[in-house]
Amino acid sequence: MLTQVTPGYAGDGRALISTSVLGAGAEDPEPAVRRRLAVLYAADTAGWEHLATCRVRDALPAMPPPHPLTRPGRLTARRYLAGDYRTTGSVQGALASGARAAREILAAI
């Protein structure tokens, strides 16, 4: 949920949610994405307002199963790794990986 990171993205206090879909075809993915988000968020998404669909060819790497969704950041006693390749191939994955590595560093000192 983007507004948990940057509340100003929805100045009226509403939540702004963004999602990525790998390999979407020519059809409109919004109805299927809305149904899946209802399951993931355990929420009724029927009243959610769809703002935009942006197609970015080859924007995300494929993550075929089994793909580990979390990997520790600590490589050695003084070396930590962070990046989307350590979790999910996305900006969110990169941020989550950096936060995890920072927590591991703080726990080690």
PDB file of N, CA and C in Angstrom:
ATOM      1  N   MET A   1       0.850  -1.152   0.000  1.00  0.00           N
ATOM      2  CA  MET A   1       0.000   0.000   0.000  1.00  0.00           C
ATOM      3  C   MET A   1       0.909   1.233   0.000  1.00  0.00           C
ATOM      4  N   LEU A   2       0.897   1.947  -1.099  1.00  0.00           N
ATOM      5  CA  LEU A   2       1.809   3.077  -1.263  1.00  0.00           C
ATOM      6  C   LEU A   2       1.596   4.158  -0.210  1.00  0.00           C
ATOM      7  N   THR A   3       0.362   4.359   0.208  1.00  0.00           N
ATOM      8  CA  THR A   3       0.084   5.426   1.169  1.00  0.00           C
ATOM      9  C   THR A   3       0.561   5.103   2.574  1.00  0.00           C
ATOM     10  N   GLN A   4       0.953   3.866   2.846  1.00  0.00           N
ATOM     11  CA  GLN A   4       1.566   3.575   4.140  1.00  0.00           C
ATOM     12  C   GLN A   4       2.996   4.106   4.171  1.00  0.00           C
ATOM     13  N   VAL A   5       3.615   4.184   3.007  1.00  0.00           N
ATOM     14  CA  VAL A   5       4.974   4.724   2.910  1.00  0.00           C
ATOM     15  C   VAL A   5       4.936   6.232   2.711  1.00  0.00           C
ATOM     16  N   THR A   6       4.044   6.703   1.843  1.00  0.00           N
ATOM     17  CA  THR A   6       3.928   8.121   1.527  1.00  0.00           C
ATOM     18  C   THR A   6       2.459   8.526   1.587  1.00  0.00           C
ATOM     19  N   PRO A   7       1.980   8.926   2.769  1.00  0.00           N
ATOM     20  CA  PRO A   7       0.563   9.268   2.922  1.00  0.00           C
ATOM     21  C   PRO A   7       0.091  10.367   1.967  1.00  0.00           C
ATOM     22  N   GLY A   8       0.968  11.247   1.553  1.00  0.00           N
ATOM     23  CA  GLY A   8       0.597  12.343   0.666  1.00  0.00           C
ATOM     24  C   GLY A   8       0.165  11.901  -0.722  1.00  0.00           C
ATOM     25  N   TYR A   9       0.410  10.647  -1.093  1.00  0.00           N
ATOM     26  CA  TYR A   9      -0.029  10.154  -2.399  1.00  0.00           C
ATOM     27  C   TYR A   9      -1.547  10.166  -2.519  1.00  0.00           C
ATOM     28  N   ALA A  10      -2.248  10.136  -1.396  1.00  0.00           N
ATOM     29  CA  ALA A  10      -3.711  10.227  -1.386  1.00  0.00           C
ATOM     30  C   ALA A  10      -4.067  11.249  -0.310  1.00  0.00           C
ATOM     31  N   GLY A  11      -4.069  12.499  -0.673  1.00  0.00           N
ATOM     32  CA  GLY A  11      -4.256  13.587   0.277  1.00  0.00           C
ATOM     33  C   GLY A  11      -5.558  13.559   1.046  1.00  0.00           C
ATOM     34  N   ASP A  12      -6.541  12.828   0.543  1.00  0.00           N
ATOM     35  CA  ASP A  12      -7.838  12.793   1.215  1.00  0.00           C
ATOM     36  C   ASP A  12      -7.937  11.667   2.237  1.00  0.00           C
ATOM     37  N   GLY A  13      -6.821  11.028   2.572  1.00  0.00           N
ATOM     38  CA  GLY A  13      -6.818   9.984   3.594  1.00  0.00           C
ATOM     39  C   GLY A  13      -7.154   8.601   3.088  1.00  0.00           C
ATOM     40  N   ARG A  14      -7.442   8.471   1.797  1.00  0.00           N
ATOM     41  CA  ARG A  14      -7.727   7.147   1.254  1.00  0.00           C
ATOM     42  C   ARG A  14      -6.424   6.381   1.040  1.00  0.00           C
ATOM     43  N   ALA A  15      -6.553   5.072   0.842  1.00  0.00           N
ATOM     44  CA  ALA A  15      -5.390   4.222   0.588  1.00  0.00           C
ATOM     45  C   ALA A  15      -5.135   4.144  -0.912  1.00  0.00           C
ATOM     46  N   LEU A  16      -3.865   4.191  -1.294  1.00  0.00           N
ATOM     47  CA  LEU A  16      -3.476   4.002  -2.689  1.00  0.00           C
ATOM     48  C   LEU A  16      -2.711   2.688  -2.764  1.00  0.00           C
ATOM     49  N   ILE A  17      -3.218   1.768  -3.553  1.00  0.00           N
ATOM     50  CA  ILE A  17      -2.637   0.441  -3.686  1.00  0.00           C
ATOM     51  C   ILE A  17      -2.140   0.279  -5.108  1.00  0.00           C
ATOM     52  N   SER A  18      -0.953  -0.267  -5.250  1.00  0.00           N
ATOM     53  CA  SER A  18      -0.381  -0.534  -6.565  1.00  0.00           C
ATOM     54  C   SER A  18       0.017  -1.998  -6.610  1.00  0.00           C
ATOM     55  N   THR A  19      -0.119  -2.602  -7.760  1.00  0.00           N
ATOM     56  CA  THR A  19       0.302  -3.989  -7.914  1.00  0.00           C
ATOM     57  C   THR A  19       0.923  -4.174  -9.284  1.00  0.00           C
ATOM     58  N   SER A  20       1.713  -5.206  -9.418  1.00  0.00           N
ATOM     59  CA  SER A  20       2.362  -5.525 -10.685  1.00  0.00           C
ATOM     60  C   SER A  20       1.926  -6.910 -11.121  1.00  0.00           C
ATOM     61  N   VAL A  21       1.772  -7.078 -12.424  1.00  0.00           N
ATOM     62  CA  VAL A  21       1.358  -8.352 -12.997  1.00  0.00           C
ATOM     63  C   VAL A  21       2.374  -8.717 -14.064  1.00  0.00           C
ATOM     64  N   LEU A  22       2.932  -9.884 -13.969  1.00  0.00           N
ATOM     65  CA  LEU A  22       3.908 -10.348 -14.946  1.00  0.00           C
ATOM     66  C   LEU A  22       3.194 -11.056 -16.090  1.00  0.00           C
ATOM     67  N   GLY A  23       3.502 -10.673 -17.287  1.00  0.00           N
ATOM     68  CA  GLY A  23       3.007 -11.375 -18.459  1.00  0.00           C
ATOM     69  C   GLY A  23       1.552 -11.155 -18.792  1.00  0.00           C
ATOM     70  N   ALA A  24       1.012 -10.012 -18.457  1.00  0.00           N
ATOM     71  CA  ALA A  24      -0.384  -9.734 -18.794  1.00  0.00           C
ATOM     72  C   ALA A  24      -0.545  -9.694 -20.305  1.00  0.00           C
ATOM     73  N   GLY A  25      -1.584 -10.342 -20.800  1.00  0.00           N
ATOM     74  CA  GLY A  25      -1.828 -10.391 -22.235  1.00  0.00           C
ATOM     75  C   GLY A  25      -2.503  -9.130 -22.736  1.00  0.00           C
ATOM     76  N   ALA A  26      -3.121  -9.249 -23.886  1.00  0.00           N
ATOM     77  CA  ALA A  26      -3.762  -8.098 -24.527  1.00  0.00           C
ATOM     78  C   ALA A  26      -5.067  -7.712 -23.844  1.00  0.00           C
ATOM     79  N   GLU A  27      -5.692  -8.655 -23.124  1.00  0.00           N
ATOM     80  CA  GLU A  27      -6.968  -8.355 -22.484  1.00  0.00           C
ATOM     81  C   GLU A  27      -6.766  -7.401 -21.302  1.00  0.00           C
ATOM     82  N   ASP A  28      -7.853  -6.820 -20.845  1.00  0.00           N
ATOM     83  CA  ASP A  28      -7.825  -5.919 -19.694  1.00  0.00           C
ATOM     84  C   ASP A  28      -7.606  -6.753 -18.429  1.00  0.00           C
ATOM     85  N   PRO A  29      -6.492  -6.587 -17.733  1.00  0.00           N
ATOM     86  CA  PRO A  29      -6.221  -7.411 -16.552  1.00  0.00           C
ATOM     87  C   PRO A  29      -6.952  -6.951 -15.298  1.00  0.00           C
ATOM     88  N   GLU A  30      -7.566  -5.787 -15.329  1.00  0.00           N
ATOM     89  CA  GLU A  30      -8.134  -5.186 -14.111  1.00  0.00           C
ATOM     90  C   GLU A  30      -9.146  -6.075 -13.390  1.00  0.00           C
ATOM     91  N   PRO A  31     -10.119  -6.698 -14.058  1.00  0.00           N
ATOM     92  CA  PRO A  31     -11.066  -7.538 -13.313  1.00  0.00           C
ATOM     93  C   PRO A  31     -10.399  -8.715 -12.592  1.00  0.00           C
ATOM     94  N   ALA A  32      -9.467  -9.380 -13.261  1.00  0.00           N
ATOM     95  CA  ALA A  32      -8.776 -10.512 -12.631  1.00  0.00           C
ATOM     96  C   ALA A  32      -7.881 -10.038 -11.493  1.00  0.00           C
ATOM     97  N   VAL A  33      -7.212  -8.913 -11.686  1.00  0.00           N
ATOM     98  CA  VAL A  33      -6.355  -8.366 -10.634  1.00  0.00           C
ATOM     99  C   VAL A  33      -7.199  -7.968  -9.431  1.00  0.00           C
ATOM    100  N   ARG A  34      -8.324  -7.359  -9.660  1.00  0.00           N
ATOM    101  CA  ARG A  34      -9.221  -6.951  -8.573  1.00  0.00           C
ATOM    102  C   ARG A  34      -9.680  -8.170  -7.762  1.00  0.00           C
ATOM    103  N   ARG A  35     -10.036  -9.269  -8.473  1.00  0.00           N
ATOM    104  CA  ARG A  35     -10.451 -10.492  -7.774  1.00  0.00           C
ATOM    105  C   ARG A  35      -9.315 -11.058  -6.934  1.00  0.00           C
ATOM    106  N   ARG A  36      -8.112 -11.050  -7.473  1.00  0.00           N
ATOM    107  CA  ARG A  36      -6.958 -11.586  -6.734  1.00  0.00           C
ATOM    108  C   ARG A  36      -6.615 -10.709  -5.531  1.00  0.00           C
ATOM    109  N   LEU A  37      -6.702  -9.397  -5.691  1.00  0.00           N
ATOM    110  CA  LEU A  37      -6.432  -8.489  -4.570  1.00  0.00           C
ATOM    111  C   LEU A  37      -7.462  -8.674  -3.459  1.00  0.00           C
ATOM    112  N   ALA A  38      -8.691  -9.003  -3.826  1.00  0.00           N
ATOM    113  CA  ALA A  38      -9.718  -9.276  -2.816  1.00  0.00           C
ATOM    114  C   ALA A  38      -9.292 -10.446  -1.937  1.00  0.00           C
ATOM    115  N   VAL A  39      -8.701 -11.459  -2.556  1.00  0.00           N
ATOM    116  CA  VAL A  39      -8.222 -12.617  -1.805  1.00  0.00           C
ATOM    117  C   VAL A  39      -7.003 -12.233  -0.965  1.00  0.00           C
ATOM    118  N   LEU A  40      -6.036 -11.561  -1.581  1.00  0.00           N
ATOM    119  CA  LEU A  40      -4.794 -11.220  -0.876  1.00  0.00           C
ATOM    120  C   LEU A  40      -5.024 -10.293   0.308  1.00  0.00           C
ATOM    121  N   TYR A  41      -5.913  -9.320   0.144  1.00  0.00           N
ATOM    122  CA  TYR A  41      -6.178  -8.357   1.210  1.00  0.00           C
ATOM    123  C   TYR A  41      -7.361  -8.766   2.093  1.00  0.00           C
ATOM    124  N   ALA A  42      -8.008  -9.894   1.758  1.00  0.00           N
ATOM    125  CA  ALA A  42      -9.204 -10.338   2.493  1.00  0.00           C
ATOM    126  C   ALA A  42     -10.180  -9.172   2.631  1.00  0.00           C
ATOM    127  N   ALA A  43     -10.457  -8.546   1.490  1.00  0.00           N
ATOM    128  CA  ALA A  43     -11.299  -7.350   1.479  1.00  0.00           C
ATOM    129  C   ALA A  43     -12.214  -7.376   0.258  1.00  0.00           C
ATOM    130  N   ASP A  44     -13.328  -6.675   0.364  1.00  0.00           N
ATOM    131  CA  ASP A  44     -14.223  -6.513  -0.766  1.00  0.00           C
ATOM    132  C   ASP A  44     -13.657  -5.393  -1.649  1.00  0.00           C
ATOM    133  N   THR A  45     -13.183  -5.750  -2.829  1.00  0.00           N
ATOM    134  CA  THR A  45     -12.553  -4.766  -3.725  1.00  0.00           C
ATOM    135  C   THR A  45     -13.535  -4.179  -4.742  1.00  0.00           C
ATOM    136  N   ALA A  46     -14.798  -4.571  -4.675  1.00  0.00           N
ATOM    137  CA  ALA A  46     -15.786  -4.109  -5.659  1.00  0.00           C
ATOM    138  C   ALA A  46     -15.912  -2.591  -5.677  1.00  0.00           C
ATOM    139  N   GLY A  47     -15.768  -1.941  -4.547  1.00  0.00           N
ATOM    140  CA  GLY A  47     -15.907  -0.492  -4.476  1.00  0.00           C
ATOM    141  C   GLY A  47     -14.610   0.269  -4.686  1.00  0.00           C
ATOM    142  N   TRP A  48     -13.506  -0.435  -4.905  1.00  0.00           N
ATOM    143  CA  TRP A  48     -12.237   0.241  -5.122  1.00  0.00           C
ATOM    144  C   TRP A  48     -12.266   0.970  -6.466  1.00  0.00           C
ATOM    145  N   GLU A  49     -11.693   2.143  -6.505  1.00  0.00           N
ATOM    146  CA  GLU A  49     -11.621   2.937  -7.728  1.00  0.00           C
ATOM    147  C   GLU A  49     -10.351   2.590  -8.485  1.00  0.00           C
ATOM    148  N   HIS A  50     -10.496   2.159  -9.717  1.00  0.00           N
ATOM    149  CA  HIS A  50      -9.346   1.857 -10.559  1.00  0.00           C
ATOM    150  C   HIS A  50      -8.863   3.160 -11.190  1.00  0.00           C
ATOM    151  N   LEU A  51      -7.625   3.519 -10.952  1.00  0.00           N
ATOM    152  CA  LEU A  51      -7.100   4.782 -11.475  1.00  0.00           C
ATOM    153  C   LEU A  51      -6.422   4.625 -12.830  1.00  0.00           C
ATOM    154  N   ALA A  52      -5.583   3.600 -12.964  1.00  0.00           N
ATOM    155  CA  ALA A  52      -4.847   3.460 -14.218  1.00  0.00           C
ATOM    156  C   ALA A  52      -4.230   2.075 -14.332  1.00  0.00           C
ATOM    157  N   THR A  53      -4.021   1.674 -15.561  1.00  0.00           N
ATOM    158  CA  THR A  53      -3.239   0.482 -15.864  1.00  0.00           C
ATOM    159  C   THR A  53      -2.104   0.927 -16.761  1.00  0.00           C
ATOM    160  N   CYS A  54      -0.891   0.677 -16.347  1.00  0.00           N
ATOM    161  CA  CYS A  54       0.292   1.037 -17.134  1.00  0.00           C
ATOM    162  C   CYS A  54       1.006  -0.244 -17.543  1.00  0.00           C
ATOM    163  N   ARG A  55       1.160  -0.427 -18.824  1.00  0.00           N
ATOM    164  CA  ARG A  55       1.863  -1.617 -19.318  1.00  0.00           C
ATOM    165  C   ARG A  55       3.318  -1.243 -19.584  1.00  0.00           C
ATOM    166  N   VAL A  56       4.216  -1.948 -18.912  1.00  0.00           N
ATOM    167  CA  VAL A  56       5.654  -1.722 -19.085  1.00  0.00           C
ATOM    168  C   VAL A  56       6.265  -3.058 -19.482  1.00  0.00           C
ATOM    169  N   ARG A  57       6.567  -3.184 -20.739  1.00  0.00           N
ATOM    170  CA  ARG A  57       7.110  -4.448 -21.260  1.00  0.00           C
ATOM    171  C   ARG A  57       8.443  -4.773 -20.598  1.00  0.00           C
ATOM    172  N   ASP A  58       8.597  -6.006 -20.151  1.00  0.00           N
ATOM    173  CA  ASP A  58       9.834  -6.509 -19.538  1.00  0.00           C
ATOM    174  C   ASP A  58      10.265  -5.707 -18.314  1.00  0.00           C
ATOM    175  N   ALA A  59       9.296  -5.167 -17.577  1.00  0.00           N
ATOM    176  CA  ALA A  59       9.623  -4.340 -16.413  1.00  0.00           C
ATOM    177  C   ALA A  59      10.090  -5.153 -15.223  1.00  0.00           C
ATOM    178  N   LEU A  60       9.589  -6.368 -15.082  1.00  0.00           N
ATOM    179  CA  LEU A  60       9.928  -7.199 -13.932  1.00  0.00           C
ATOM    180  C   LEU A  60      10.534  -8.518 -14.399  1.00  0.00           C
ATOM    181  N   PRO A  61      11.460  -9.048 -13.623  1.00  0.00           N
ATOM    182  CA  PRO A  61      12.013 -10.354 -13.981  1.00  0.00           C
ATOM    183  C   PRO A  61      11.014 -11.464 -13.639  1.00  0.00           C
ATOM    184  N   ALA A  62      11.091 -12.544 -14.364  1.00  0.00           N
ATOM    185  CA  ALA A  62      10.275 -13.711 -14.031  1.00  0.00           C
ATOM    186  C   ALA A  62      10.799 -14.317 -12.734  1.00  0.00           C
ATOM    187  N   MET A  63       9.897 -14.780 -11.906  1.00  0.00           N
ATOM    188  CA  MET A  63      10.263 -15.425 -10.642  1.00  0.00           C
ATOM    189  C   MET A  63       9.572 -16.783 -10.574  1.00  0.00           C
ATOM    190  N   PRO A  64      10.022 -17.736 -11.402  1.00  0.00           N
ATOM    191  CA  PRO A  64       9.344 -19.029 -11.417  1.00  0.00           C
ATOM    192  C   PRO A  64       9.512 -19.764 -10.092  1.00  0.00           C
ATOM    193  N   PRO A  65       8.497 -20.511  -9.681  1.00  0.00           N
ATOM    194  CA  PRO A  65       8.591 -21.252  -8.417  1.00  0.00           C
ATOM    195  C   PRO A  65       9.578 -22.402  -8.544  1.00  0.00           C
ATOM    196  N   PRO A  66      10.169 -22.826  -7.488  1.00  0.00           N
ATOM    197  CA  PRO A  66      10.078 -22.219  -6.158  1.00  0.00           C
ATOM    198  C   PRO A  66      11.055 -21.065  -6.030  1.00  0.00           C
ATOM    199  N   HIS A  67      10.556 -19.891  -5.753  1.00  0.00           N
ATOM    200  CA  HIS A  67      11.380 -18.695  -5.592  1.00  0.00           C
ATOM    201  C   HIS A  67      11.354 -18.303  -4.121  1.00  0.00           C
ATOM    202  N   PRO A  68      12.520 -18.266  -3.457  1.00  0.00           N
ATOM    203  CA  PRO A  68      12.511 -17.863  -2.050  1.00  0.00           C
ATOM    204  C   PRO A  68      12.129 -16.392  -1.925  1.00  0.00           C
ATOM    205  N   LEU A  69      11.088 -16.097  -1.187  1.00  0.00           N
ATOM    206  CA  LEU A  69      10.625 -14.714  -1.066  1.00  0.00           C
ATOM    207  C   LEU A  69      11.428 -13.900  -0.067  1.00  0.00           C
ATOM    208  N   THR A  70      12.165 -14.542   0.788  1.00  0.00           N
ATOM    209  CA  THR A  70      13.026 -13.803   1.710  1.00  0.00           C
ATOM    210  C   THR A  70      14.350 -14.545   1.848  1.00  0.00           C
ATOM    211  N   ARG A  71      15.403 -13.791   1.791  1.00  0.00           N
ATOM    212  CA  ARG A  71      16.742 -14.317   2.036  1.00  0.00           C
ATOM    213  C   ARG A  71      17.437 -13.362   2.984  1.00  0.00           C
ATOM    214  N   PRO A  72      18.164 -13.882   3.951  1.00  0.00           N
ATOM    215  CA  PRO A  72      18.870 -12.995   4.888  1.00  0.00           C
ATOM    216  C   PRO A  72      19.815 -12.061   4.151  1.00  0.00           C
ATOM    217  N   GLY A  73      20.023 -10.891   4.730  1.00  0.00           N
ATOM    218  CA  GLY A  73      20.930  -9.926   4.134  1.00  0.00           C
ATOM    219  C   GLY A  73      22.380 -10.157   4.509  1.00  0.00           C
ATOM    220  N   ARG A  74      22.603 -10.822   5.632  1.00  0.00           N
ATOM    221  CA  ARG A  74      23.975 -10.992   6.125  1.00  0.00           C
ATOM    222  C   ARG A  74      24.719 -12.038   5.303  1.00  0.00           C
ATOM    223  N   LEU A  75      25.842 -11.625   4.711  1.00  0.00           N
ATOM    224  CA  LEU A  75      26.690 -12.526   3.947  1.00  0.00           C
ATOM    225  C   LEU A  75      27.854 -12.997   4.804  1.00  0.00           C
ATOM    226  N   THR A  76      28.524 -12.050   5.464  1.00  0.00           N
ATOM    227  CA  THR A  76      29.601 -12.347   6.415  1.00  0.00           C
ATOM    228  C   THR A  76      29.418 -11.423   7.607  1.00  0.00           C
ATOM    229  N   ALA A  77      30.341 -11.491   8.565  1.00  0.00           N
ATOM    230  CA  ALA A  77      30.224 -10.675   9.778  1.00  0.00           C
ATOM    231  C   ALA A  77      30.130  -9.177   9.471  1.00  0.00           C
ATOM    232  N   ARG A  78      30.747  -8.722   8.389  1.00  0.00           N
ATOM    233  CA  ARG A  78      30.746  -7.289   8.076  1.00  0.00           C
ATOM    234  C   ARG A  78      30.242  -6.986   6.669  1.00  0.00           C
ATOM    235  N   ARG A  79      29.559  -7.940   6.048  1.00  0.00           N
ATOM    236  CA  ARG A  79      29.067  -7.727   4.691  1.00  0.00           C
ATOM    237  C   ARG A  79      27.603  -8.160   4.614  1.00  0.00           C
ATOM    238  N   TYR A  80      26.787  -7.222   4.134  1.00  0.00           N
ATOM    239  CA  TYR A  80      25.350  -7.452   4.003  1.00  0.00           C
ATOM    240  C   TYR A  80      24.939  -7.177   2.569  1.00  0.00           C
ATOM    241  N   LEU A  81      23.949  -7.894   2.117  1.00  0.00           N
ATOM    242  CA  LEU A  81      23.440  -7.724   0.768  1.00  0.00           C
ATOM    243  C   LEU A  81      21.999  -7.240   0.818  1.00  0.00           C
ATOM    244  N   ALA A  82      21.644  -6.403  -0.145  1.00  0.00           N
ATOM    245  CA  ALA A  82      20.261  -5.944  -0.262  1.00  0.00           C
ATOM    246  C   ALA A  82      19.961  -5.725  -1.737  1.00  0.00           C
ATOM    247  N   GLY A  83      18.743  -5.941  -2.114  1.00  0.00           N
ATOM    248  CA  GLY A  83      18.322  -5.719  -3.490  1.00  0.00           C
ATOM    249  C   GLY A  83      17.102  -6.548  -3.805  1.00  0.00           C
ATOM    250  N   ASP A  84      16.441  -6.190  -4.885  1.00  0.00           N
ATOM    251  CA  ASP A  84      15.212  -6.905  -5.227  1.00  0.00           C
ATOM    252  C   ASP A  84      15.456  -8.382  -5.495  1.00  0.00           C
ATOM    253  N   TYR A  85      16.653  -8.743  -5.903  1.00  0.00           N
ATOM    254  CA  TYR A  85      16.951 -10.147  -6.170  1.00  0.00           C
ATOM    255  C   TYR A  85      16.991 -10.985  -4.895  1.00  0.00           C
ATOM    256  N   ARG A  86      17.019 -10.336  -3.723  1.00  0.00           N
ATOM    257  CA  ARG A  86      17.034 -11.048  -2.445  1.00  0.00           C
ATOM    258  C   ARG A  86      15.620 -11.359  -1.964  1.00  0.00           C
ATOM    259  N   THR A  87      14.617 -10.834  -2.637  1.00  0.00           N
ATOM    260  CA  THR A  87      13.227 -11.044  -2.231  1.00  0.00           C
ATOM    261  C   THR A  87      12.354 -11.122  -3.480  1.00  0.00           C
ATOM    262  N   THR A  88      11.574 -10.124  -3.798  1.00  0.00           N
ATOM    263  CA  THR A  88      10.763 -10.122  -5.015  1.00  0.00           C
ATOM    264  C   THR A  88      11.314  -9.094  -5.987  1.00  0.00           C
ATOM    265  N   GLY A  89      11.300  -9.429  -7.260  1.00  0.00           N
ATOM    266  CA  GLY A  89      11.848  -8.549  -8.290  1.00  0.00           C
ATOM    267  C   GLY A  89      10.975  -7.344  -8.529  1.00  0.00           C
ATOM    268  N   SER A  90      11.085  -6.354  -7.644  1.00  0.00           N
ATOM    269  CA  SER A  90      10.251  -5.153  -7.747  1.00  0.00           C
ATOM    270  C   SER A  90      10.868  -4.055  -6.880  1.00  0.00           C
ATOM    271  N   VAL A  91      10.359  -2.854  -7.025  1.00  0.00           N
ATOM    272  CA  VAL A  91      10.806  -1.766  -6.158  1.00  0.00           C
ATOM    273  C   VAL A  91      10.471  -2.102  -4.704  1.00  0.00           C
ATOM    274  N   GLN A  92       9.278  -2.644  -4.478  1.00  0.00           N
ATOM    275  CA  GLN A  92       8.894  -3.041  -3.118  1.00  0.00           C
ATOM    276  C   GLN A  92       9.871  -4.075  -2.570  1.00  0.00           C
ATOM    277  N   GLY A  93      10.266  -5.032  -3.402  1.00  0.00           N
ATOM    278  CA  GLY A  93      11.220  -6.042  -2.975  1.00  0.00           C
ATOM    279  C   GLY A  93      12.563  -5.437  -2.608  1.00  0.00           C
ATOM    280  N   ALA A  94      13.015  -4.471  -3.388  1.00  0.00           N
ATOM    281  CA  ALA A  94      14.284  -3.801  -3.095  1.00  0.00           C
ATOM    282  C   ALA A  94      14.206  -3.056  -1.763  1.00  0.00           C
ATOM    283  N   LEU A  95      13.096  -2.351  -1.537  1.00  0.00           N
ATOM    284  CA  LEU A  95      12.930  -1.613  -0.281  1.00  0.00           C
ATOM    285  C   LEU A  95      12.840  -2.563   0.910  1.00  0.00           C
ATOM    286  N   ALA A  96      12.091  -3.642   0.760  1.00  0.00           N
ATOM    287  CA  ALA A  96      11.953  -4.615   1.846  1.00  0.00           C
ATOM    288  C   ALA A  96      13.294  -5.262   2.161  1.00  0.00           C
ATOM    289  N   SER A  97      14.063  -5.569   1.133  1.00  0.00           N
ATOM    290  CA  SER A  97      15.376  -6.174   1.330  1.00  0.00           C
ATOM    291  C   SER A  97      16.321  -5.207   2.040  1.00  0.00           C
ATOM    292  N   GLY A  98      16.291  -3.948   1.667  1.00  0.00           N
ATOM    293  CA  GLY A  98      17.125  -2.946   2.343  1.00  0.00           C
ATOM    294  C   GLY A  98      16.747  -2.780   3.797  1.00  0.00           C
ATOM    295  N   ALA A  99      15.450  -2.770   4.068  1.00  0.00           N
ATOM    296  CA  ALA A  99      14.985  -2.654   5.457  1.00  0.00           C
ATOM    297  C   ALA A  99      15.414  -3.870   6.262  1.00  0.00           C
ATOM    298  N   ARG A 100      15.318  -5.061   5.678  1.00  0.00           N
ATOM    299  CA  ARG A 100      15.742  -6.277   6.370  1.00  0.00           C
ATOM    300  C   ARG A 100      17.234  -6.233   6.683  1.00  0.00           C
ATOM    301  N   ALA A 101      18.039  -5.836   5.704  1.00  0.00           N
ATOM    302  CA  ALA A 101      19.481  -5.753   5.929  1.00  0.00           C
ATOM    303  C   ALA A 101      19.804  -4.736   7.022  1.00  0.00           C
ATOM    304  N   ALA A 102      19.099  -3.602   7.030  1.00  0.00           N
ATOM    305  CA  ALA A 102      19.322  -2.585   8.075  1.00  0.00           C
ATOM    306  C   ALA A 102      18.979  -3.141   9.451  1.00  0.00           C
ATOM    307  N   ARG A 103      17.875  -3.869   9.571  1.00  0.00           N
ATOM    308  CA  ARG A 103      17.510  -4.472  10.857  1.00  0.00           C
ATOM    309  C   ARG A 103      18.567  -5.478  11.294  1.00  0.00           C
ATOM    310  N   GLU A 104      19.094  -6.250  10.356  1.00  0.00           N
ATOM    311  CA  GLU A 104      20.129  -7.232  10.690  1.00  0.00           C
ATOM    312  C   GLU A 104      21.410  -6.531  11.154  1.00  0.00           C
ATOM    313  N   ILE A 105      21.765  -5.437  10.520  1.00  0.00           N
ATOM    314  CA  ILE A 105      22.955  -4.679  10.927  1.00  0.00           C
ATOM    315  C   ILE A 105      22.766  -4.118  12.326  1.00  0.00           C
ATOM    316  N   LEU A 106      21.610  -3.521  12.585  1.00  0.00           N
ATOM    317  CA  LEU A 106      21.347  -2.953  13.900  1.00  0.00           C
ATOM    318  C   LEU A 106      21.325  -4.030  14.980  1.00  0.00           C
ATOM    319  N   ALA A 107      20.828  -5.201  14.657  1.00  0.00           N
ATOM    320  CA  ALA A 107      20.798  -6.288  15.630  1.00  0.00           C
ATOM    321  C   ALA A 107      22.213  -6.815  15.932  1.00  0.00           C
ATOM    322  N   ALA A 108      23.119  -6.640  14.973  1.00  0.00           N
ATOM    323  CA  ALA A 108      24.481  -7.151  15.141  1.00  0.00           C
ATOM    324  C   ALA A 108      25.386  -6.207  15.931  1.00  0.00           C
ATOM    325  N   ILE A 109      24.981  -4.952  16.086  1.00  0.00           N
ATOM    326  CA  ILE A 109      25.858  -4.018  16.804  1.00  0.00           C
ATOM    327  C   ILE A 109      25.449  -3.860  18.258  1.00  0.00           C
TER     328      ILE A 109
END
